[in-house]
Amino acid sequence: MTRASISDSSWADKLVECSRCARAVPFLELVKDKDWCKACGVRLRAAVLVRRNGSFGSGHVGWAWEFHPICNLDEELMHTVGRAYFSHVRRWQQARSQEAWFAGAIENPGGLPLQRAPRNGSWSLLLPTLEIIGQMRAYDAYKIIEVEQADPRGALSMQHQVTRTHYAYLTHNCMNSTYRILTAFGAQLPDPQHFSNWRPNAWFDHIAAEPILLKAK
């Protein structure tokens, strides 16, 4: 069925199940040529964070993806970061009508080439703006990637998986983790496995966006 074939209100009002949030919505509320609703396909932004002096000068990166109340992630977010964090950001959004970001990283503070998941140094935060991440986590800069049909549920699902996976220097490091989460969100990013992108600093530099500098502590 296509939109062009719909000529009467009965089809326009026909309820179908969104493949992302599982809600019953009118057919015309689906994103064009997709099987999810407009609420789950809003235009949002992803971001890659960089700490230039991480990993003995090779760099360290983290992820951030934009959240909006329309994304229907309430239960997952409350489970992940706690009701207090979510309520704070939700009230802030309603009062200020601004963005909120779900940021995180795999830090591997022990510096070992292999590290089990409970000690892989993973963290995640809900933030009203990315400008404070420099002071909170000593990041130097970030780059913004516009995502036309963002999938916050996909990003959150991948984030659960990534943060519960053992750290591995070659296959599951800060850069691979960031790539997996943000591509699940819908962002287009350089392949971290390419030989020119093996260092997080180089991978960050090859992302097609202008860096935004952050204030350190």
C-alpha atoms as a PDB file:
ATOM      1  CA  MET A   1       0.000   0.000   0.000  1.00  0.00           C
ATOM      2  CA  THR A   2       1.240   3.498  -0.824  1.00  0.00           C
ATOM      3  CA  ARG A   3       0.021   6.932   0.138  1.00  0.00           C
ATOM      4  CA  ALA A   4      -0.959   7.560  -3.482  1.00  0.00           C
ATOM      5  CA  SER A   5      -3.429   4.674  -3.288  1.00  0.00           C
ATOM      6  CA  ILE A   6      -5.245   6.189  -0.307  1.00  0.00           C
ATOM      7  CA  SER A   7      -8.186   8.232  -1.541  1.00  0.00           C
ATOM      8  CA  ASP A   8     -10.694   8.102   1.311  1.00  0.00           C
ATOM      9  CA  SER A   9     -10.647   8.860   5.005  1.00  0.00           C
ATOM     10  CA  SER A  10     -11.290   5.232   5.996  1.00  0.00           C
ATOM     11  CA  TRP A  11      -7.828   4.205   4.770  1.00  0.00           C
ATOM     12  CA  ALA A  12      -6.262   7.401   6.045  1.00  0.00           C
ATOM     13  CA  ASP A  13      -7.549   6.616   9.526  1.00  0.00           C
ATOM     14  CA  LYS A  14      -6.635   2.918   9.390  1.00  0.00           C
ATOM     15  CA  LEU A  15      -4.536   1.981  12.425  1.00  0.00           C
ATOM     16  CA  VAL A  16      -1.240   0.152  11.934  1.00  0.00           C
ATOM     17  CA  GLU A  17       1.431  -0.915  14.396  1.00  0.00           C
ATOM     18  CA  CYS A  18       4.648   1.083  14.489  1.00  0.00           C
ATOM     19  CA  SER A  19       7.641  -1.265  14.199  1.00  0.00           C
ATOM     20  CA  ARG A  20       9.634   0.778  16.735  1.00  0.00           C
ATOM     21  CA  CYS A  21       7.284   1.778  19.528  1.00  0.00           C
ATOM     22  CA  ALA A  22       4.555  -0.826  18.834  1.00  0.00           C
ATOM     23  CA  ARG A  23       1.819   1.801  19.175  1.00  0.00           C
ATOM     24  CA  ALA A  24      -1.256   1.722  16.939  1.00  0.00           C
ATOM     25  CA  VAL A  25      -1.149   4.870  14.796  1.00  0.00           C
ATOM     26  CA  PRO A  26      -3.034   6.097  11.696  1.00  0.00           C
ATOM     27  CA  PHE A  27      -1.431   4.938   8.443  1.00  0.00           C
ATOM     28  CA  LEU A  28      -0.659   8.505   7.405  1.00  0.00           C
ATOM     29  CA  GLU A  29       1.335   8.964  10.604  1.00  0.00           C
ATOM     30  CA  LEU A  30       3.991   6.555   9.338  1.00  0.00           C
ATOM     31  CA  VAL A  31       7.240   7.983   7.999  1.00  0.00           C
ATOM     32  CA  LYS A  32       7.129   7.929   4.185  1.00  0.00           C
ATOM     33  CA  ASP A  33       8.135   4.513   2.805  1.00  0.00           C
ATOM     34  CA  LYS A  34       8.898   3.230   6.331  1.00  0.00           C
ATOM     35  CA  ASP A  35       7.016   1.110   8.851  1.00  0.00           C
ATOM     36  CA  TRP A  36       7.526   3.367  11.875  1.00  0.00           C
ATOM     37  CA  CYS A  37       5.625   6.422  12.999  1.00  0.00           C
ATOM     38  CA  LYS A  38       6.731  10.030  12.722  1.00  0.00           C
ATOM     39  CA  ALA A  39       7.187  10.226  16.490  1.00  0.00           C
ATOM     40  CA  CYS A  40       9.898   7.529  16.226  1.00  0.00           C
ATOM     41  CA  GLY A  41      11.433   9.021  13.102  1.00  0.00           C
ATOM     42  CA  VAL A  42      12.024  12.606  14.103  1.00  0.00           C
ATOM     43  CA  ARG A  43      15.084  14.510  12.896  1.00  0.00           C
ATOM     44  CA  LEU A  44      17.640  14.410  15.708  1.00  0.00           C
ATOM     45  CA  ARG A  45      21.388  14.766  16.128  1.00  0.00           C
ATOM     46  CA  ALA A  46      24.258  12.485  17.080  1.00  0.00           C
ATOM     47  CA  ALA A  47      27.620  13.621  18.440  1.00  0.00           C
ATOM     48  CA  VAL A  48      31.106  12.164  18.807  1.00  0.00           C
ATOM     49  CA  LEU A  49      33.135  13.405  21.781  1.00  0.00           C
ATOM     50  CA  VAL A  50      36.943  13.431  21.806  1.00  0.00           C
ATOM     51  CA  ARG A  51      39.617  13.592  24.508  1.00  0.00           C
ATOM     52  CA  ARG A  52      42.824  14.214  22.573  1.00  0.00           C
ATOM     53  CA  ASN A  53      45.341  13.039  25.184  1.00  0.00           C
ATOM     54  CA  GLY A  54      43.571   9.752  25.918  1.00  0.00           C
ATOM     55  CA  SER A  55      45.213   6.356  25.440  1.00  0.00           C
ATOM     56  CA  PHE A  56      48.787   7.733  25.510  1.00  0.00           C
ATOM     57  CA  GLY A  57      48.057  10.342  22.849  1.00  0.00           C
ATOM     58  CA  SER A  58      46.034   8.135  20.462  1.00  0.00           C
ATOM     59  CA  GLY A  59      42.854   9.758  21.721  1.00  0.00           C
ATOM     60  CA  HIS A  60      39.621   8.652  23.310  1.00  0.00           C
ATOM     61  CA  VAL A  61      36.076   9.085  21.989  1.00  0.00           C
ATOM     62  CA  GLY A  62      32.577   8.837  23.396  1.00  0.00           C
ATOM     63  CA  TRP A  63      29.065   9.081  22.041  1.00  0.00           C
ATOM     64  CA  ALA A  64      26.011  11.263  22.478  1.00  0.00           C
ATOM     65  CA  TRP A  65      22.611  11.131  20.836  1.00  0.00           C
ATOM     66  CA  GLU A  66      19.765  13.554  21.123  1.00  0.00           C
ATOM     67  CA  PHE A  67      16.635  12.593  23.014  1.00  0.00           C
ATOM     68  CA  HIS A  68      13.175  14.101  22.743  1.00  0.00           C
ATOM     69  CA  PRO A  69      10.028  13.223  24.761  1.00  0.00           C
ATOM     70  CA  ILE A  70       8.247  12.329  21.518  1.00  0.00           C
ATOM     71  CA  CYS A  71      10.583   9.337  21.115  1.00  0.00           C
ATOM     72  CA  ASN A  72       8.563   7.221  23.579  1.00  0.00           C
ATOM     73  CA  LEU A  73      11.571   5.965  25.526  1.00  0.00           C
ATOM     74  CA  ASP A  74      10.294   6.751  29.012  1.00  0.00           C
ATOM     75  CA  GLU A  75      10.443   3.248  30.459  1.00  0.00           C
ATOM     76  CA  GLU A  76      13.850   2.384  29.033  1.00  0.00           C
ATOM     77  CA  LEU A  77      15.373   5.693  30.082  1.00  0.00           C
ATOM     78  CA  MET A  78      14.059   5.459  33.616  1.00  0.00           C
ATOM     79  CA  HIS A  79      15.390   1.913  33.872  1.00  0.00           C
ATOM     80  CA  THR A  80      18.801   2.942  32.534  1.00  0.00           C
ATOM     81  CA  VAL A  81      19.592   6.184  34.319  1.00  0.00           C
ATOM     82  CA  GLY A  82      17.071   6.249  37.145  1.00  0.00           C
ATOM     83  CA  ARG A  83      13.810   8.083  37.633  1.00  0.00           C
ATOM     84  CA  ALA A  84      15.460  11.132  39.218  1.00  0.00           C
ATOM     85  CA  TYR A  85      17.729  11.812  36.226  1.00  0.00           C
ATOM     86  CA  PHE A  86      14.907  11.357  33.745  1.00  0.00           C
ATOM     87  CA  SER A  87      12.448  13.505  35.667  1.00  0.00           C
ATOM     88  CA  HIS A  88      15.006  16.292  35.955  1.00  0.00           C
ATOM     89  CA  VAL A  89      15.735  16.369  32.229  1.00  0.00           C
ATOM     90  CA  ARG A  90      12.068  16.020  31.302  1.00  0.00           C
ATOM     91  CA  ARG A  91      11.110  18.994  33.495  1.00  0.00           C
ATOM     92  CA  TRP A  92      14.027  20.974  32.078  1.00  0.00           C
ATOM     93  CA  GLN A  93      12.854  20.250  28.525  1.00  0.00           C
ATOM     94  CA  GLN A  94       9.287  21.207  29.217  1.00  0.00           C
ATOM     95  CA  ALA A  95      10.398  24.452  30.840  1.00  0.00           C
ATOM     96  CA  ARG A  96      13.033  25.433  28.291  1.00  0.00           C
ATOM     97  CA  SER A  97      11.966  23.592  25.102  1.00  0.00           C
ATOM     98  CA  GLN A  98      15.587  22.687  24.434  1.00  0.00           C
ATOM     99  CA  GLU A  99      17.440  19.485  23.550  1.00  0.00           C
ATOM    100  CA  ALA A 100      18.603  16.768  25.897  1.00  0.00           C
ATOM    101  CA  TRP A 101      21.424  14.350  25.189  1.00  0.00           C
ATOM    102  CA  PHE A 102      22.172  10.772  26.205  1.00  0.00           C
ATOM    103  CA  ALA A 103      25.988  10.662  26.428  1.00  0.00           C
ATOM    104  CA  GLY A 104      28.387   7.890  27.366  1.00  0.00           C
ATOM    105  CA  ALA A 105      31.664   6.108  26.690  1.00  0.00           C
ATOM    106  CA  ILE A 106      33.796   3.056  27.404  1.00  0.00           C
ATOM    107  CA  GLU A 107      36.775   4.420  29.356  1.00  0.00           C
ATOM    108  CA  ASN A 108      38.761   1.248  30.282  1.00  0.00           C
ATOM    109  CA  PRO A 109      40.445   2.992  33.243  1.00  0.00           C
ATOM    110  CA  GLY A 110      42.683  -0.019  33.947  1.00  0.00           C
ATOM    111  CA  GLY A 111      44.376   0.323  30.571  1.00  0.00           C
ATOM    112  CA  LEU A 112      44.482  -3.435  29.987  1.00  0.00           C
ATOM    113  CA  PRO A 113      44.024  -4.823  26.436  1.00  0.00           C
ATOM    114  CA  LEU A 114      41.196  -7.044  27.737  1.00  0.00           C
ATOM    115  CA  GLN A 115      38.816  -6.123  30.550  1.00  0.00           C
ATOM    116  CA  ARG A 116      35.566  -7.674  31.749  1.00  0.00           C
ATOM    117  CA  ALA A 117      32.378  -5.632  31.385  1.00  0.00           C
ATOM    118  CA  PRO A 118      31.891  -4.649  35.029  1.00  0.00           C
ATOM    119  CA  ARG A 119      35.341  -3.039  34.930  1.00  0.00           C
ATOM    120  CA  ASN A 120      35.299  -1.632  31.396  1.00  0.00           C
ATOM    121  CA  GLY A 121      34.669   1.893  32.705  1.00  0.00           C
ATOM    122  CA  SER A 122      31.360   2.423  30.899  1.00  0.00           C
ATOM    123  CA  TRP A 123      29.213   5.377  31.929  1.00  0.00           C
ATOM    124  CA  SER A 124      26.133   7.177  30.634  1.00  0.00           C
ATOM    125  CA  LEU A 125      24.442  10.453  31.523  1.00  0.00           C
ATOM    126  CA  LEU A 126      21.420  12.459  30.465  1.00  0.00           C
ATOM    127  CA  LEU A 127      22.509  16.042  29.835  1.00  0.00           C
ATOM    128  CA  PRO A 128      20.554  19.193  28.966  1.00  0.00           C
ATOM    129  CA  THR A 129      23.450  20.337  26.753  1.00  0.00           C
ATOM    130  CA  LEU A 130      26.768  18.953  25.525  1.00  0.00           C
ATOM    131  CA  GLU A 131      28.603  22.102  26.586  1.00  0.00           C
ATOM    132  CA  ILE A 132      29.000  20.785  30.149  1.00  0.00           C
ATOM    133  CA  ILE A 133      30.615  17.474  29.145  1.00  0.00           C
ATOM    134  CA  GLY A 134      34.027  19.169  28.931  1.00  0.00           C
ATOM    135  CA  GLN A 135      33.900  20.072  32.596  1.00  0.00           C
ATOM    136  CA  MET A 136      32.259  16.844  33.731  1.00  0.00           C
ATOM    137  CA  ARG A 137      34.415  14.362  31.783  1.00  0.00           C
ATOM    138  CA  ALA A 138      37.362  16.397  30.460  1.00  0.00           C
ATOM    139  CA  TYR A 139      36.490  16.108  26.764  1.00  0.00           C
ATOM    140  CA  ASP A 140      38.125  18.605  24.412  1.00  0.00           C
ATOM    141  CA  ALA A 141      35.626  18.851  21.561  1.00  0.00           C
ATOM    142  CA  TYR A 142      32.711  17.203  19.798  1.00  0.00           C
ATOM    143  CA  LYS A 143      31.247  16.941  16.306  1.00  0.00           C
ATOM    144  CA  ILE A 144      27.537  17.027  15.442  1.00  0.00           C
ATOM    145  CA  ILE A 145      25.996  14.690  12.848  1.00  0.00           C
ATOM    146  CA  GLU A 146      22.465  15.432  11.632  1.00  0.00           C
ATOM    147  CA  VAL A 147      20.287  12.306  11.382  1.00  0.00           C
ATOM    148  CA  GLU A 148      17.195  12.575   9.187  1.00  0.00           C
ATOM    149  CA  GLN A 149      15.349   9.502  10.478  1.00  0.00           C
ATOM    150  CA  ALA A 150      16.848   8.904  13.897  1.00  0.00           C
ATOM    151  CA  ASP A 151      16.220   5.656  15.771  1.00  0.00           C
ATOM    152  CA  PRO A 152      16.624   6.387  19.514  1.00  0.00           C
ATOM    153  CA  ARG A 153      15.239   2.985  20.459  1.00  0.00           C
ATOM    154  CA  GLY A 154      17.888   1.305  18.307  1.00  0.00           C
ATOM    155  CA  ALA A 155      20.614   3.436  19.875  1.00  0.00           C
ATOM    156  CA  LEU A 156      19.431   2.651  23.387  1.00  0.00           C
ATOM    157  CA  SER A 157      19.262  -1.078  22.647  1.00  0.00           C
ATOM    158  CA  MET A 158      22.803  -1.040  21.230  1.00  0.00           C
ATOM    159  CA  GLN A 159      24.015   1.030  24.185  1.00  0.00           C
ATOM    160  CA  HIS A 160      22.706  -1.628  26.588  1.00  0.00           C
ATOM    161  CA  GLN A 161      24.583  -4.273  24.616  1.00  0.00           C
ATOM    162  CA  VAL A 162      27.824  -2.318  24.238  1.00  0.00           C
ATOM    163  CA  THR A 163      28.163  -1.289  27.874  1.00  0.00           C
ATOM    164  CA  ARG A 164      27.685  -4.893  28.993  1.00  0.00           C
ATOM    165  CA  THR A 165      30.357  -6.296  26.667  1.00  0.00           C
ATOM    166  CA  HIS A 166      33.962  -6.950  27.707  1.00  0.00           C
ATOM    167  CA  TYR A 167      36.512  -4.346  26.592  1.00  0.00           C
ATOM    168  CA  ALA A 168      38.894  -5.569  23.871  1.00  0.00           C
ATOM    169  CA  TYR A 169      41.641  -3.325  22.523  1.00  0.00           C
ATOM    170  CA  LEU A 170      41.222  -4.349  18.860  1.00  0.00           C
ATOM    171  CA  THR A 171      37.521  -5.148  18.543  1.00  0.00           C
ATOM    172  CA  HIS A 172      35.531  -3.523  21.334  1.00  0.00           C
ATOM    173  CA  ASN A 173      37.173  -0.271  22.334  1.00  0.00           C
ATOM    174  CA  CYS A 174      35.883   3.276  22.839  1.00  0.00           C
ATOM    175  CA  MET A 175      35.822   3.929  19.089  1.00  0.00           C
ATOM    176  CA  ASN A 176      34.064   0.702  18.024  1.00  0.00           C
ATOM    177  CA  SER A 177      31.496   1.204  20.779  1.00  0.00           C
ATOM    178  CA  THR A 178      30.775   4.782  19.717  1.00  0.00           C
ATOM    179  CA  TYR A 179      30.467   3.712  16.085  1.00  0.00           C
ATOM    180  CA  ARG A 180      28.014   0.891  16.852  1.00  0.00           C
ATOM    181  CA  ILE A 181      25.737   3.024  19.005  1.00  0.00           C
ATOM    182  CA  LEU A 182      25.617   6.045  16.721  1.00  0.00           C
ATOM    183  CA  THR A 183      25.137   4.017  13.524  1.00  0.00           C
ATOM    184  CA  ALA A 184      22.292   2.187  15.294  1.00  0.00           C
ATOM    185  CA  PHE A 185      20.901   5.681  15.922  1.00  0.00           C
ATOM    186  CA  GLY A 186      21.145   6.335  12.179  1.00  0.00           C
ATOM    187  CA  ALA A 187      24.334   8.409  11.878  1.00  0.00           C
ATOM    188  CA  GLN A 188      26.693   8.046   8.909  1.00  0.00           C
ATOM    189  CA  LEU A 189      30.274   7.688  10.193  1.00  0.00           C
ATOM    190  CA  PRO A 190      33.670   6.580   8.826  1.00  0.00           C
ATOM    191  CA  ASP A 191      34.524   2.901   9.252  1.00  0.00           C
ATOM    192  CA  PRO A 192      36.755   2.617  12.361  1.00  0.00           C
ATOM    193  CA  GLN A 193      38.286  -0.601  10.957  1.00  0.00           C
ATOM    194  CA  HIS A 194      39.840   1.262   8.019  1.00  0.00           C
ATOM    195  CA  PHE A 195      43.622   1.504   8.433  1.00  0.00           C
ATOM    196  CA  SER A 196      43.501   5.319   8.376  1.00  0.00           C
ATOM    197  CA  ASN A 197      41.046   5.368  11.300  1.00  0.00           C
ATOM    198  CA  TRP A 198      42.700   3.029  13.799  1.00  0.00           C
ATOM    199  CA  ARG A 199      43.544   5.892  16.183  1.00  0.00           C
ATOM    200  CA  PRO A 200      40.512   7.576  17.805  1.00  0.00           C
ATOM    201  CA  ASN A 201      41.966  11.034  17.109  1.00  0.00           C
ATOM    202  CA  ALA A 202      42.298  10.216  13.392  1.00  0.00           C
ATOM    203  CA  TRP A 203      38.803   8.714  13.247  1.00  0.00           C
ATOM    204  CA  PHE A 204      37.358  11.834  14.880  1.00  0.00           C
ATOM    205  CA  ASP A 205      39.225  14.073  12.421  1.00  0.00           C
ATOM    206  CA  HIS A 206      37.768  12.127   9.465  1.00  0.00           C
ATOM    207  CA  ILE A 207      34.166  12.721  10.532  1.00  0.00           C
ATOM    208  CA  ALA A 208      32.672  15.224   8.073  1.00  0.00           C
ATOM    209  CA  ALA A 209      31.704  17.943  10.534  1.00  0.00           C
ATOM    210  CA  GLU A 210      33.309  20.950  12.174  1.00  0.00           C
ATOM    211  CA  PRO A 211      34.651  20.369  15.716  1.00  0.00           C
ATOM    212  CA  ILE A 212      33.075  22.355  18.532  1.00  0.00           C
ATOM    213  CA  LEU A 213      35.585  23.088  21.283  1.00  0.00           C
ATOM    214  CA  LEU A 214      34.693  22.532  24.913  1.00  0.00           C
ATOM    215  CA  LYS A 215      35.874  24.231  28.069  1.00  0.00           C
ATOM    216  CA  ALA A 216      37.937  21.987  30.325  1.00  0.00           C
ATOM    217  CA  LYS A 217      37.773  21.923  34.125  1.00  0.00           C
END
